[in-house]
C-alpha atoms as a PDB file:
ATOM      1  CA  UNK A   1     -68.400 -20.608 -51.544  1.00  0.00           C
ATOM      2  CA  UNK A   2     -68.763 -23.775 -53.614  1.00  0.00           C
ATOM      3  CA  UNK A   3     -69.386 -26.507 -51.060  1.00  0.00           C
ATOM      4  CA  UNK A   4     -67.770 -29.006 -53.432  1.00  0.00           C
ATOM      5  CA  UNK A   5     -64.451 -27.130 -53.548  1.00  0.00           C
ATOM      6  CA  UNK A   6     -61.678 -29.589 -52.788  1.00  0.00           C
ATOM      7  CA  UNK A   7     -58.821 -28.986 -50.403  1.00  0.00           C
ATOM      8  CA  UNK A   8     -56.389 -29.535 -53.266  1.00  0.00           C
ATOM      9  CA  UNK A   9     -58.017 -26.688 -55.190  1.00  0.00           C
ATOM     10  CA  UNK A  10     -57.756 -24.393 -52.168  1.00  0.00           C
ATOM     11  CA  UNK A  11     -54.081 -25.313 -51.739  1.00  0.00           C
ATOM     12  CA  UNK A  12     -53.420 -24.493 -55.391  1.00  0.00           C
ATOM     13  CA  UNK A  13     -55.151 -21.113 -55.103  1.00  0.00           C
ATOM     14  CA  UNK A  14     -53.192 -20.379 -51.908  1.00  0.00           C
ATOM     15  CA  UNK A  15     -49.914 -21.154 -53.672  1.00  0.00           C
ATOM     16  CA  UNK A  16     -50.829 -18.788 -56.506  1.00  0.00           C
ATOM     17  CA  UNK A  17     -51.588 -15.989 -54.034  1.00  0.00           C
ATOM     18  CA  UNK A  18     -48.272 -16.560 -52.239  1.00  0.00           C
ATOM     19  CA  UNK A  19     -46.327 -16.205 -55.493  1.00  0.00           C
ATOM     20  CA  UNK A  20     -48.319 -13.132 -56.547  1.00  0.00           C
ATOM     21  CA  UNK A  21     -47.827 -11.366 -53.206  1.00  0.00           C
ATOM     22  CA  UNK A  22     -44.125 -12.187 -53.102  1.00  0.00           C
ATOM     23  CA  UNK A  23     -43.590 -10.922 -56.646  1.00  0.00           C
ATOM     24  CA  UNK A  24     -44.872  -7.372 -56.035  1.00  0.00           C
ATOM     25  CA  UNK A  25     -47.123  -5.342 -53.703  1.00  0.00           C
ATOM     26  CA  UNK A  26     -50.807  -5.971 -54.356  1.00  0.00           C
ATOM     27  CA  UNK A  27     -52.830  -3.242 -55.949  1.00  0.00           C
ATOM     28  CA  UNK A  28     -55.967  -2.044 -54.169  1.00  0.00           C
ATOM     29  CA  UNK A  29     -58.095  -4.239 -56.432  1.00  0.00           C
ATOM     30  CA  UNK A  30     -55.889  -7.266 -55.832  1.00  0.00           C
ATOM     31  CA  UNK A  31     -55.905  -6.666 -52.079  1.00  0.00           C
ATOM     32  CA  UNK A  32     -59.715  -6.631 -52.050  1.00  0.00           C
ATOM     33  CA  UNK A  33     -59.762  -9.817 -54.110  1.00  0.00           C
ATOM     34  CA  UNK A  34     -57.327 -11.477 -51.707  1.00  0.00           C
ATOM     35  CA  UNK A  35     -59.354 -10.413 -48.659  1.00  0.00           C
ATOM     36  CA  UNK A  36     -62.541 -11.710 -50.271  1.00  0.00           C
ATOM     37  CA  UNK A  37     -60.879 -15.000 -51.162  1.00  0.00           C
ATOM     38  CA  UNK A  38     -59.800 -15.497 -47.535  1.00  0.00           C
ATOM     39  CA  UNK A  39     -63.265 -14.718 -46.163  1.00  0.00           C
ATOM     40  CA  UNK A  40     -65.151 -17.098 -48.423  1.00  0.00           C
ATOM     41  CA  UNK A  41     -63.862 -20.320 -46.861  1.00  0.00           C
ATOM     42  CA  UNK A  42     -62.481 -20.892 -43.357  1.00  0.00           C
ATOM     43  CA  UNK A  43     -59.897 -23.312 -44.763  1.00  0.00           C
ATOM     44  CA  UNK A  44     -58.208 -20.737 -46.944  1.00  0.00           C
ATOM     45  CA  UNK A  45     -56.272 -18.813 -44.286  1.00  0.00           C
ATOM     46  CA  UNK A  46     -54.669 -22.035 -43.075  1.00  0.00           C
ATOM     47  CA  UNK A  47     -53.893 -23.055 -46.654  1.00  0.00           C
ATOM     48  CA  UNK A  48     -52.229 -19.699 -47.279  1.00  0.00           C
ATOM     49  CA  UNK A  49     -50.069 -20.043 -44.151  1.00  0.00           C
ATOM     50  CA  UNK A  50     -48.927 -23.520 -45.185  1.00  0.00           C
ATOM     51  CA  UNK A  51     -48.260 -22.447 -48.763  1.00  0.00           C
ATOM     52  CA  UNK A  52     -46.190 -19.469 -47.666  1.00  0.00           C
ATOM     53  CA  UNK A  53     -44.106 -21.623 -45.307  1.00  0.00           C
ATOM     54  CA  UNK A  54     -43.441 -24.131 -48.111  1.00  0.00           C
ATOM     55  CA  UNK A  55     -42.605 -21.338 -50.541  1.00  0.00           C
ATOM     56  CA  UNK A  56     -40.104 -19.710 -48.172  1.00  0.00           C
ATOM     57  CA  UNK A  57     -38.424 -23.055 -47.476  1.00  0.00           C
ATOM     58  CA  UNK A  58     -38.190 -23.914 -51.177  1.00  0.00           C
ATOM     59  CA  UNK A  59     -36.783 -20.492 -52.003  1.00  0.00           C
ATOM     60  CA  UNK A  60     -34.183 -20.833 -49.274  1.00  0.00           C
ATOM     61  CA  UNK A  61     -33.145 -24.243 -50.578  1.00  0.00           C
ATOM     62  CA  UNK A  62     -32.736 -22.962 -54.133  1.00  0.00           C
ATOM     63  CA  UNK A  63     -30.659 -20.027 -52.929  1.00  0.00           C
ATOM     64  CA  UNK A  64     -28.388 -22.134 -50.735  1.00  0.00           C
ATOM     65  CA  UNK A  65     -27.670 -24.504 -53.621  1.00  0.00           C
ATOM     66  CA  UNK A  66     -26.334 -21.784 -55.943  1.00  0.00           C
ATOM     67  CA  UNK A  67     -22.804 -22.559 -56.985  1.00  0.00           C
ATOM     68  CA  UNK A  68     -21.430 -19.026 -56.654  1.00  0.00           C
ATOM     69  CA  UNK A  69     -22.586 -16.549 -54.023  1.00  0.00           C
ATOM     70  CA  UNK A  70     -23.321 -13.071 -55.314  1.00  0.00           C
ATOM     71  CA  UNK A  71     -22.182  -9.833 -53.742  1.00  0.00           C
ATOM     72  CA  UNK A  72     -24.716  -8.369 -51.349  1.00  0.00           C
ATOM     73  CA  UNK A  73     -26.914  -5.738 -52.967  1.00  0.00           C
ATOM     74  CA  UNK A  74     -28.972  -2.796 -51.736  1.00  0.00           C
ATOM     75  CA  UNK A  75     -32.706  -3.302 -51.286  1.00  0.00           C
ATOM     76  CA  UNK A  76     -34.545  -2.725 -54.546  1.00  0.00           C
ATOM     77  CA  UNK A  77     -37.114  -0.290 -53.176  1.00  0.00           C
ATOM     78  CA  UNK A  78     -36.066   3.239 -52.259  1.00  0.00           C
ATOM     79  CA  UNK A  79     -37.999   6.080 -50.735  1.00  0.00           C
ATOM     80  CA  UNK A  80     -37.921   9.578 -52.197  1.00  0.00           C
ATOM     81  CA  UNK A  81     -34.927  10.764 -50.152  1.00  0.00           C
ATOM     82  CA  UNK A  82     -32.786   7.977 -51.570  1.00  0.00           C
ATOM     83  CA  UNK A  83     -32.566   5.959 -48.365  1.00  0.00           C
ATOM     84  CA  UNK A  84     -33.335   2.275 -48.367  1.00  0.00           C
ATOM     85  CA  UNK A  85     -36.860   1.438 -47.216  1.00  0.00           C
ATOM     86  CA  UNK A  86     -38.488  -1.472 -45.465  1.00  0.00           C
ATOM     87  CA  UNK A  87     -41.706  -3.083 -46.700  1.00  0.00           C
ATOM     88  CA  UNK A  88     -44.693  -1.878 -44.718  1.00  0.00           C
ATOM     89  CA  UNK A  89     -47.118  -4.741 -44.155  1.00  0.00           C
ATOM     90  CA  UNK A  90     -50.757  -4.203 -45.012  1.00  0.00           C
ATOM     91  CA  UNK A  91     -52.141  -6.281 -42.192  1.00  0.00           C
ATOM     92  CA  UNK A  92     -55.420  -8.137 -41.805  1.00  0.00           C
ATOM     93  CA  UNK A  93     -56.515  -9.753 -38.554  1.00  0.00           C
ATOM     94  CA  UNK A  94     -57.966 -13.196 -39.014  1.00  0.00           C
ATOM     95  CA  UNK A  95     -59.399 -15.469 -36.349  1.00  0.00           C
ATOM     96  CA  UNK A  96     -57.963 -18.817 -37.334  1.00  0.00           C
ATOM     97  CA  UNK A  97     -60.190 -21.037 -35.224  1.00  0.00           C
ATOM     98  CA  UNK A  98     -61.190 -24.418 -36.593  1.00  0.00           C
ATOM     99  CA  UNK A  99     -58.807 -24.517 -39.565  1.00  0.00           C
ATOM    100  CA  UNK A 100     -56.853 -27.534 -40.664  1.00  0.00           C
ATOM    101  CA  UNK A 101     -53.300 -26.551 -39.756  1.00  0.00           C
ATOM    102  CA  UNK A 102     -51.912 -26.588 -36.233  1.00  0.00           C
ATOM    103  CA  UNK A 103     -51.608 -22.819 -36.215  1.00  0.00           C
ATOM    104  CA  UNK A 104     -55.216 -22.448 -37.282  1.00  0.00           C
ATOM    105  CA  UNK A 105     -56.416 -25.009 -34.781  1.00  0.00           C
ATOM    106  CA  UNK A 106     -54.760 -23.062 -32.010  1.00  0.00           C
ATOM    107  CA  UNK A 107     -57.128 -20.133 -32.521  1.00  0.00           C
ATOM    108  CA  UNK A 108     -54.279 -17.620 -32.462  1.00  0.00           C
ATOM    109  CA  UNK A 109     -54.458 -14.469 -34.519  1.00  0.00           C
ATOM    110  CA  UNK A 110     -51.977 -14.269 -37.373  1.00  0.00           C
ATOM    111  CA  UNK A 111     -50.881 -11.030 -39.027  1.00  0.00           C
ATOM    112  CA  UNK A 112     -49.507 -11.440 -42.538  1.00  0.00           C
ATOM    113  CA  UNK A 113     -47.713  -8.478 -44.066  1.00  0.00           C
ATOM    114  CA  UNK A 114     -47.377  -7.606 -47.715  1.00  0.00           C
ATOM    115  CA  UNK A 115     -45.642  -4.996 -49.618  1.00  0.00           C
ATOM    116  CA  UNK A 116     -45.486  -1.153 -49.179  1.00  0.00           C
ATOM    117  CA  UNK A 117     -42.119   0.529 -48.422  1.00  0.00           C
ATOM    118  CA  UNK A 118     -41.632   2.525 -45.240  1.00  0.00           C
ATOM    119  CA  UNK A 119     -38.705   3.677 -43.124  1.00  0.00           C
ATOM    120  CA  UNK A 120     -37.744   2.141 -39.790  1.00  0.00           C
ATOM    121  CA  UNK A 121     -40.685   1.154 -37.646  1.00  0.00           C
ATOM    122  CA  UNK A 122     -41.821  -0.782 -34.604  1.00  0.00           C
ATOM    123  CA  UNK A 123     -44.107  -3.790 -34.524  1.00  0.00           C
ATOM    124  CA  UNK A 124     -45.893  -5.202 -31.493  1.00  0.00           C
ATOM    125  CA  UNK A 125     -48.178  -8.135 -30.832  1.00  0.00           C
ATOM    126  CA  UNK A 126     -50.915  -8.438 -28.244  1.00  0.00           C
ATOM    127  CA  UNK A 127     -51.804 -11.484 -26.216  1.00  0.00           C
ATOM    128  CA  UNK A 128     -52.593 -14.430 -28.466  1.00  0.00           C
ATOM    129  CA  UNK A 129     -51.319 -12.774 -31.662  1.00  0.00           C
ATOM    130  CA  UNK A 130     -48.638 -13.850 -34.110  1.00  0.00           C
ATOM    131  CA  UNK A 131     -47.390 -11.321 -36.658  1.00  0.00           C
ATOM    132  CA  UNK A 132     -45.451 -12.225 -39.786  1.00  0.00           C
ATOM    133  CA  UNK A 133     -43.403  -9.352 -41.227  1.00  0.00           C
ATOM    134  CA  UNK A 134     -41.675  -9.648 -44.616  1.00  0.00           C
ATOM    135  CA  UNK A 135     -38.575  -7.442 -44.455  1.00  0.00           C
ATOM    136  CA  UNK A 136     -37.784  -7.627 -48.162  1.00  0.00           C
ATOM    137  CA  UNK A 137     -34.879  -9.340 -49.911  1.00  0.00           C
ATOM    138  CA  UNK A 138     -36.083 -12.793 -48.840  1.00  0.00           C
ATOM    139  CA  UNK A 139     -36.137 -12.031 -45.116  1.00  0.00           C
ATOM    140  CA  UNK A 140     -39.049 -12.692 -42.797  1.00  0.00           C
ATOM    141  CA  UNK A 141     -39.483 -11.780 -39.132  1.00  0.00           C
ATOM    142  CA  UNK A 142     -42.250 -13.505 -37.168  1.00  0.00           C
ATOM    143  CA  UNK A 143     -43.274 -12.147 -33.753  1.00  0.00           C
ATOM    144  CA  UNK A 144     -44.848 -14.356 -31.134  1.00  0.00           C
ATOM    145  CA  UNK A 145     -47.459 -13.231 -28.620  1.00  0.00           C
ATOM    146  CA  UNK A 146     -46.711 -10.178 -26.417  1.00  0.00           C
ATOM    147  CA  UNK A 147     -43.553  -9.218 -28.298  1.00  0.00           C
ATOM    148  CA  UNK A 148     -41.999  -6.045 -29.693  1.00  0.00           C
ATOM    149  CA  UNK A 149     -39.414  -5.500 -32.418  1.00  0.00           C
ATOM    150  CA  UNK A 150     -37.805  -2.358 -33.867  1.00  0.00           C
ATOM    151  CA  UNK A 151     -36.512  -2.713 -37.435  1.00  0.00           C
ATOM    152  CA  UNK A 152     -34.387  -0.129 -39.222  1.00  0.00           C
ATOM    153  CA  UNK A 153     -31.960   0.108 -42.127  1.00  0.00           C
ATOM    154  CA  UNK A 154     -28.531   1.697 -41.858  1.00  0.00           C
ATOM    155  CA  UNK A 155     -26.858   1.626 -45.243  1.00  0.00           C
ATOM    156  CA  UNK A 156     -26.673  -2.006 -46.321  1.00  0.00           C
ATOM    157  CA  UNK A 157     -27.280  -3.304 -42.803  1.00  0.00           C
ATOM    158  CA  UNK A 158     -30.587  -4.215 -41.261  1.00  0.00           C
ATOM    159  CA  UNK A 159     -30.755  -3.757 -37.478  1.00  0.00           C
ATOM    160  CA  UNK A 160     -33.417  -5.423 -35.371  1.00  0.00           C
ATOM    161  CA  UNK A 161     -33.954  -4.749 -31.669  1.00  0.00           C
ATOM    162  CA  UNK A 162     -36.016  -7.153 -29.572  1.00  0.00           C
ATOM    163  CA  UNK A 163     -36.799  -5.348 -26.277  1.00  0.00           C
ATOM    164  CA  UNK A 164     -38.977  -8.231 -25.100  1.00  0.00           C
ATOM    165  CA  UNK A 165     -40.826 -11.280 -26.341  1.00  0.00           C
ATOM    166  CA  UNK A 166     -40.045 -13.968 -28.867  1.00  0.00           C
ATOM    167  CA  UNK A 167     -39.308 -13.866 -32.571  1.00  0.00           C
ATOM    168  CA  UNK A 168     -38.057 -15.987 -35.430  1.00  0.00           C
ATOM    169  CA  UNK A 169     -35.908 -14.566 -38.212  1.00  0.00           C
ATOM    170  CA  UNK A 170     -35.527 -16.355 -41.545  1.00  0.00           C
ATOM    171  CA  UNK A 171     -32.790 -15.070 -43.847  1.00  0.00           C
ATOM    172  CA  UNK A 172     -31.738 -16.424 -47.239  1.00  0.00           C
ATOM    173  CA  UNK A 173     -28.151 -16.217 -48.488  1.00  0.00           C
ATOM    174  CA  UNK A 174     -27.359 -13.337 -50.885  1.00  0.00           C
ATOM    175  CA  UNK A 175     -30.376 -11.433 -49.664  1.00  0.00           C
ATOM    176  CA  UNK A 176     -28.705  -8.048 -49.270  1.00  0.00           C
ATOM    177  CA  UNK A 177     -26.218  -7.636 -46.450  1.00  0.00           C
ATOM    178  CA  UNK A 178     -25.938  -8.850 -42.857  1.00  0.00           C
ATOM    179  CA  UNK A 179     -28.534  -8.425 -40.149  1.00  0.00           C
ATOM    180  CA  UNK A 180     -27.609  -7.300 -36.635  1.00  0.00           C
ATOM    181  CA  UNK A 181     -29.960  -8.185 -33.788  1.00  0.00           C
ATOM    182  CA  UNK A 182     -29.704  -6.213 -30.552  1.00  0.00           C
ATOM    183  CA  UNK A 183     -30.658  -8.174 -27.441  1.00  0.00           C
ATOM    184  CA  UNK A 184     -29.782  -5.994 -24.477  1.00  0.00           C
ATOM    185  CA  UNK A 185     -26.150  -6.718 -23.564  1.00  0.00           C
ATOM    186  CA  UNK A 186     -25.762  -9.046 -26.555  1.00  0.00           C
ATOM    187  CA  UNK A 187     -25.509  -8.466 -30.293  1.00  0.00           C
ATOM    188  CA  UNK A 188     -26.095 -11.159 -32.891  1.00  0.00           C
ATOM    189  CA  UNK A 189     -24.887 -10.936 -36.506  1.00  0.00           C
ATOM    190  CA  UNK A 190     -26.768 -13.111 -38.975  1.00  0.00           C
ATOM    191  CA  UNK A 191     -26.277 -13.609 -42.711  1.00  0.00           C
ATOM    192  CA  UNK A 192     -27.995 -16.846 -43.764  1.00  0.00           C
ATOM    193  CA  UNK A 193     -29.846 -18.445 -40.907  1.00  0.00           C
ATOM    194  CA  UNK A 194     -33.054 -19.481 -39.252  1.00  0.00           C
ATOM    195  CA  UNK A 195     -32.892 -18.024 -35.733  1.00  0.00           C
ATOM    196  CA  UNK A 196     -35.361 -18.137 -32.851  1.00  0.00           C
ATOM    197  CA  UNK A 197     -34.944 -15.433 -30.185  1.00  0.00           C
ATOM    198  CA  UNK A 198     -36.575 -15.485 -26.772  1.00  0.00           C
ATOM    199  CA  UNK A 199     -36.190 -12.602 -24.328  1.00  0.00           C
ATOM    200  CA  UNK A 200     -38.627 -12.743 -21.427  1.00  0.00           C
ATOM    201  CA  UNK A 201     -38.616 -11.212 -17.935  1.00  0.00           C
ATOM    202  CA  UNK A 202     -37.007 -13.398 -15.255  1.00  0.00           C
ATOM    203  CA  UNK A 203     -35.722 -15.861 -17.898  1.00  0.00           C
ATOM    204  CA  UNK A 204     -32.268 -16.121 -19.473  1.00  0.00           C
ATOM    205  CA  UNK A 205     -31.928 -14.925 -23.043  1.00  0.00           C
ATOM    206  CA  UNK A 206     -32.356 -17.914 -25.359  1.00  0.00           C
ATOM    207  CA  UNK A 207     -31.151 -18.163 -28.959  1.00  0.00           C
ATOM    208  CA  UNK A 208     -31.928 -21.187 -31.121  1.00  0.00           C
ATOM    209  CA  UNK A 209     -29.926 -21.570 -34.336  1.00  0.00           C
ATOM    210  CA  UNK A 210     -31.865 -23.902 -36.582  1.00  0.00           C
ATOM    211  CA  UNK A 211     -30.028 -23.362 -39.858  1.00  0.00           C
ATOM    212  CA  UNK A 212     -26.875 -21.515 -40.837  1.00  0.00           C
ATOM    213  CA  UNK A 213     -24.689 -19.824 -38.255  1.00  0.00           C
ATOM    214  CA  UNK A 214     -24.562 -16.579 -36.299  1.00  0.00           C
ATOM    215  CA  UNK A 215     -21.951 -14.534 -34.456  1.00  0.00           C
ATOM    216  CA  UNK A 216     -22.711 -13.562 -30.869  1.00  0.00           C
ATOM    217  CA  UNK A 217     -20.873 -10.712 -29.156  1.00  0.00           C
ATOM    218  CA  UNK A 218     -21.404  -8.373 -26.215  1.00  0.00           C
ATOM    219  CA  UNK A 219     -21.819  -4.611 -26.160  1.00  0.00           C
ATOM    220  CA  UNK A 220     -18.627  -4.240 -24.124  1.00  0.00           C
ATOM    221  CA  UNK A 221     -16.502  -6.438 -26.414  1.00  0.00           C
ATOM    222  CA  UNK A 222     -18.014  -6.397 -29.922  1.00  0.00           C
ATOM    223  CA  UNK A 223     -14.722  -7.485 -31.519  1.00  0.00           C
ATOM    224  CA  UNK A 224     -14.650 -10.742 -29.527  1.00  0.00           C
ATOM    225  CA  UNK A 225     -17.435 -12.666 -31.194  1.00  0.00           C
ATOM    226  CA  UNK A 226     -18.471 -16.292 -30.695  1.00  0.00           C
ATOM    227  CA  UNK A 227     -19.717 -18.239 -33.717  1.00  0.00           C
ATOM    228  CA  UNK A 228     -22.830 -20.275 -32.998  1.00  0.00           C
ATOM    229  CA  UNK A 229     -23.183 -23.468 -35.053  1.00  0.00           C
ATOM    230  CA  UNK A 230     -26.427 -24.764 -36.554  1.00  0.00           C
ATOM    231  CA  UNK A 231     -28.711 -26.815 -34.321  1.00  0.00           C
ATOM    232  CA  UNK A 232     -27.494 -25.101 -31.187  1.00  0.00           C
ATOM    233  CA  UNK A 233     -29.129 -23.387 -28.232  1.00  0.00           C
ATOM    234  CA  UNK A 234     -27.506 -20.488 -26.406  1.00  0.00           C
ATOM    235  CA  UNK A 235     -28.639 -19.208 -23.033  1.00  0.00           C
ATOM    236  CA  UNK A 236     -27.186 -16.007 -21.640  1.00  0.00           C
ATOM    237  CA  UNK A 237     -27.692 -13.877 -18.544  1.00  0.00           C
ATOM    238  CA  UNK A 238     -27.079 -10.198 -17.872  1.00  0.00           C
ATOM    239  CA  UNK A 239     -23.773 -11.022 -16.191  1.00  0.00           C
ATOM    240  CA  UNK A 240     -22.448 -12.377 -19.511  1.00  0.00           C
ATOM    241  CA  UNK A 241     -22.651 -16.023 -18.441  1.00  0.00           C
ATOM    242  CA  UNK A 242     -23.259 -18.060 -21.613  1.00  0.00           C
ATOM    243  CA  UNK A 243     -23.994 -21.767 -22.080  1.00  0.00           C
ATOM    244  CA  UNK A 244     -24.271 -23.563 -25.435  1.00  0.00           C
ATOM    245  CA  UNK A 245     -26.072 -26.874 -26.073  1.00  0.00           C
ATOM    246  CA  UNK A 246     -26.357 -28.909 -29.259  1.00  0.00           C
ATOM    247  CA  UNK A 247     -29.882 -29.995 -30.203  1.00  0.00           C
ATOM    248  CA  UNK A 248     -31.173 -32.278 -32.931  1.00  0.00           C
ATOM    249  CA  UNK A 249     -33.520 -31.089 -35.683  1.00  0.00           C
ATOM    250  CA  UNK A 250     -36.603 -32.551 -34.004  1.00  0.00           C
ATOM    251  CA  UNK A 251     -35.876 -30.744 -30.747  1.00  0.00           C
ATOM    252  CA  UNK A 252     -35.303 -27.456 -32.579  1.00  0.00           C
ATOM    253  CA  UNK A 253     -38.621 -27.893 -34.386  1.00  0.00           C
ATOM    254  CA  UNK A 254     -40.473 -28.634 -31.150  1.00  0.00           C
ATOM    255  CA  UNK A 255     -39.031 -25.537 -29.502  1.00  0.00           C
ATOM    256  CA  UNK A 256     -40.283 -23.467 -32.434  1.00  0.00           C
ATOM    257  CA  UNK A 257     -43.753 -25.052 -32.221  1.00  0.00           C
ATOM    258  CA  UNK A 258     -45.223 -21.640 -31.293  1.00  0.00           C
ATOM    259  CA  UNK A 259     -45.164 -20.849 -35.026  1.00  0.00           C
ATOM    260  CA  UNK A 260     -47.975 -23.401 -35.331  1.00  0.00           C
ATOM    261  CA  UNK A 261     -49.780 -22.146 -32.227  1.00  0.00           C
ATOM    262  CA  UNK A 262     -48.439 -24.906 -30.004  1.00  0.00           C
ATOM    263  CA  UNK A 263     -46.375 -25.095 -26.809  1.00  0.00           C
ATOM    264  CA  UNK A 264     -43.763 -27.786 -26.220  1.00  0.00           C
ATOM    265  CA  UNK A 265     -42.760 -28.907 -22.728  1.00  0.00           C
ATOM    266  CA  UNK A 266     -40.095 -31.467 -21.802  1.00  0.00           C
ATOM    267  CA  UNK A 267     -40.012 -32.391 -18.099  1.00  0.00           C
ATOM    268  CA  UNK A 268     -41.158 -28.830 -17.446  1.00  0.00           C
ATOM    269  CA  UNK A 269     -42.377 -27.905 -13.944  1.00  0.00           C
ATOM    270  CA  UNK A 270     -46.077 -27.086 -13.905  1.00  0.00           C
ATOM    271  CA  UNK A 271     -45.385 -23.619 -12.494  1.00  0.00           C
ATOM    272  CA  UNK A 272     -43.262 -22.841 -15.571  1.00  0.00           C
ATOM    273  CA  UNK A 273     -45.844 -24.268 -17.970  1.00  0.00           C
ATOM    274  CA  UNK A 274     -48.634 -22.283 -16.286  1.00  0.00           C
ATOM    275  CA  UNK A 275     -46.628 -19.083 -16.641  1.00  0.00           C
ATOM    276  CA  UNK A 276     -46.066 -19.842 -20.330  1.00  0.00           C
ATOM    277  CA  UNK A 277     -49.814 -20.219 -20.923  1.00  0.00           C
ATOM    278  CA  UNK A 278     -50.388 -16.775 -19.387  1.00  0.00           C
ATOM    279  CA  UNK A 279     -48.584 -15.253 -22.376  1.00  0.00           C
ATOM    280  CA  UNK A 280     -51.364 -16.554 -24.651  1.00  0.00           C
ATOM    281  CA  UNK A 281     -54.530 -16.464 -22.558  1.00  0.00           C
ATOM    282  CA  UNK A 282     -56.011 -14.266 -19.823  1.00  0.00           C
ATOM    283  CA  UNK A 283     -57.428 -17.405 -18.245  1.00  0.00           C
ATOM    284  CA  UNK A 284     -54.823 -18.257 -15.607  1.00  0.00           C
ATOM    285  CA  UNK A 285     -53.773 -21.702 -14.437  1.00  0.00           C
ATOM    286  CA  UNK A 286     -53.386 -21.667 -10.651  1.00  0.00           C
ATOM    287  CA  UNK A 287     -51.598 -24.384  -8.664  1.00  0.00           C
ATOM    288  CA  UNK A 288     -52.970 -24.734  -5.167  1.00  0.00           C
ATOM    289  CA  UNK A 289     -50.083 -26.591  -3.458  1.00  0.00           C
ATOM    290  CA  UNK A 290     -46.309 -26.230  -3.860  1.00  0.00           C
ATOM    291  CA  UNK A 291     -46.064 -29.944  -4.551  1.00  0.00           C
ATOM    292  CA  UNK A 292     -48.358 -29.587  -7.554  1.00  0.00           C
ATOM    293  CA  UNK A 293     -46.270 -26.724  -8.898  1.00  0.00           C
ATOM    294  CA  UNK A 294     -43.183 -28.956  -8.811  1.00  0.00           C
ATOM    295  CA  UNK A 295     -44.790 -31.737 -10.858  1.00  0.00           C
ATOM    296  CA  UNK A 296     -43.429 -31.959 -14.409  1.00  0.00           C
ATOM    297  CA  UNK A 297     -45.118 -32.278 -17.769  1.00  0.00           C
ATOM    298  CA  UNK A 298     -43.991 -33.366 -21.223  1.00  0.00           C
ATOM    299  CA  UNK A 299     -45.904 -32.912 -24.466  1.00  0.00           C
ATOM    300  CA  UNK A 300     -47.168 -30.477 -27.092  1.00  0.00           C
ATOM    301  CA  UNK A 301     -50.331 -28.486 -26.362  1.00  0.00           C
ATOM    302  CA  UNK A 302     -52.446 -25.836 -28.071  1.00  0.00           C
ATOM    303  CA  UNK A 303     -51.245 -22.463 -26.805  1.00  0.00           C
ATOM    304  CA  UNK A 304     -54.709 -20.925 -26.544  1.00  0.00           C
ATOM    305  CA  UNK A 305     -56.329 -23.842 -24.686  1.00  0.00           C
ATOM    306  CA  UNK A 306     -55.250 -23.753 -21.041  1.00  0.00           C
ATOM    307  CA  UNK A 307     -58.363 -25.725 -20.162  1.00  0.00           C
ATOM    308  CA  UNK A 308     -57.390 -28.614 -22.413  1.00  0.00           C
ATOM    309  CA  UNK A 309     -53.868 -28.539 -21.010  1.00  0.00           C
ATOM    310  CA  UNK A 310     -55.168 -28.596 -17.431  1.00  0.00           C
ATOM    311  CA  UNK A 311     -57.459 -31.549 -18.135  1.00  0.00           C
ATOM    312  CA  UNK A 312     -54.625 -33.515 -19.746  1.00  0.00           C
ATOM    313  CA  UNK A 313     -52.280 -32.787 -16.855  1.00  0.00           C
ATOM    314  CA  UNK A 314     -54.925 -33.659 -14.267  1.00  0.00           C
ATOM    315  CA  UNK A 315     -55.592 -36.978 -15.968  1.00  0.00           C
ATOM    316  CA  UNK A 316     -51.903 -37.956 -16.135  1.00  0.00           C
ATOM    317  CA  UNK A 317     -50.950 -36.729 -12.646  1.00  0.00           C
ATOM    318  CA  UNK A 318     -54.128 -37.599 -10.757  1.00  0.00           C
ATOM    319  CA  UNK A 319     -55.041 -33.988  -9.995  1.00  0.00           C
ATOM    320  CA  UNK A 320     -58.381 -32.271  -9.506  1.00  0.00           C
ATOM    321  CA  UNK A 321     -59.470 -29.531 -11.948  1.00  0.00           C
ATOM    322  CA  UNK A 322     -61.697 -26.644 -10.877  1.00  0.00           C
ATOM    323  CA  UNK A 323     -62.584 -24.605 -13.991  1.00  0.00           C
ATOM    324  CA  UNK A 324     -63.896 -21.043 -13.831  1.00  0.00           C
ATOM    325  CA  UNK A 325     -64.291 -18.401 -16.555  1.00  0.00           C
ATOM    326  CA  UNK A 326     -61.174 -16.472 -15.518  1.00  0.00           C
ATOM    327  CA  UNK A 327     -59.000 -19.215 -14.024  1.00  0.00           C
ATOM    328  CA  UNK A 328     -58.339 -22.916 -13.678  1.00  0.00           C
ATOM    329  CA  UNK A 329     -57.219 -24.425 -10.363  1.00  0.00           C
ATOM    330  CA  UNK A 330     -55.201 -27.624 -10.215  1.00  0.00           C
ATOM    331  CA  UNK A 331     -54.986 -29.325  -6.819  1.00  0.00           C
ATOM    332  CA  UNK A 332     -54.614 -32.674  -5.111  1.00  0.00           C
ATOM    333  CA  UNK A 333     -57.910 -34.557  -4.690  1.00  0.00           C
ATOM    334  CA  UNK A 334     -59.485 -33.910  -1.309  1.00  0.00           C
ATOM    335  CA  UNK A 335     -57.449 -30.777  -0.593  1.00  0.00           C
END
């Protein structure tokens, strides 16, 4: 690596790789060159992530501004039996510690997929992993830590099932037919949207609509759909009890902070925040007294740093921190 290489030069190279990868699957030679480019400088993975996010946003903006929408088309790539195929990501696991972006600084693993067609398949993430999955036709699915998604094509429709975990789906208008997301008792139809889905044990289903709109229905009454407006949050339970809130853009962005390896809390009880950190780290945060568990916290914290979170909370709430390799105990002083 040239020690004099400027950040601007790295950003330019990252942008060129993003365009090349989006244009067509990399050849074996190109894939080796890309892998080597990433390895040569710890800043490059973060630059690539930022460049890809900017590229997707710019592409979405250009598509939305088209004067006349085009008819939905079949995916361009077909497998030998004539059925539509999904891109199969060639994945590389990078430790993104110490990089410039928030995601890199978090130390989370990021999986970035590129190009080969396959049929329906399942993706999973382990603890502390984020996986980005291009679905073709300007669609991207991003899985958060400890999540699972099944993706399959049925004619012109893409169907995604989220058995558990959290995911974000970005879809651009005119990108080839609607997408149906199966969430237990609920179904969500999406055409041109940015949607965040959260389905965790013991928590209500949560849907954040950042951009566009989506139609929510139930398995028992699919014909009776409810349109969800942009900048809205939907929470639903298994007994079909649904609540809808309107959020501003800043709040939506904060609630999707996991994409950058961060966790956002707003007057959140410590017991809830501690449970959230367990999804990202095996190092548990333990709260010694019930009163401590009921204390609330507000702020944005690195998802993979429970120790830093505990120290910040202890400082603001006057708590004592006892740090051990496998756990962190927060308690009242003198208890």
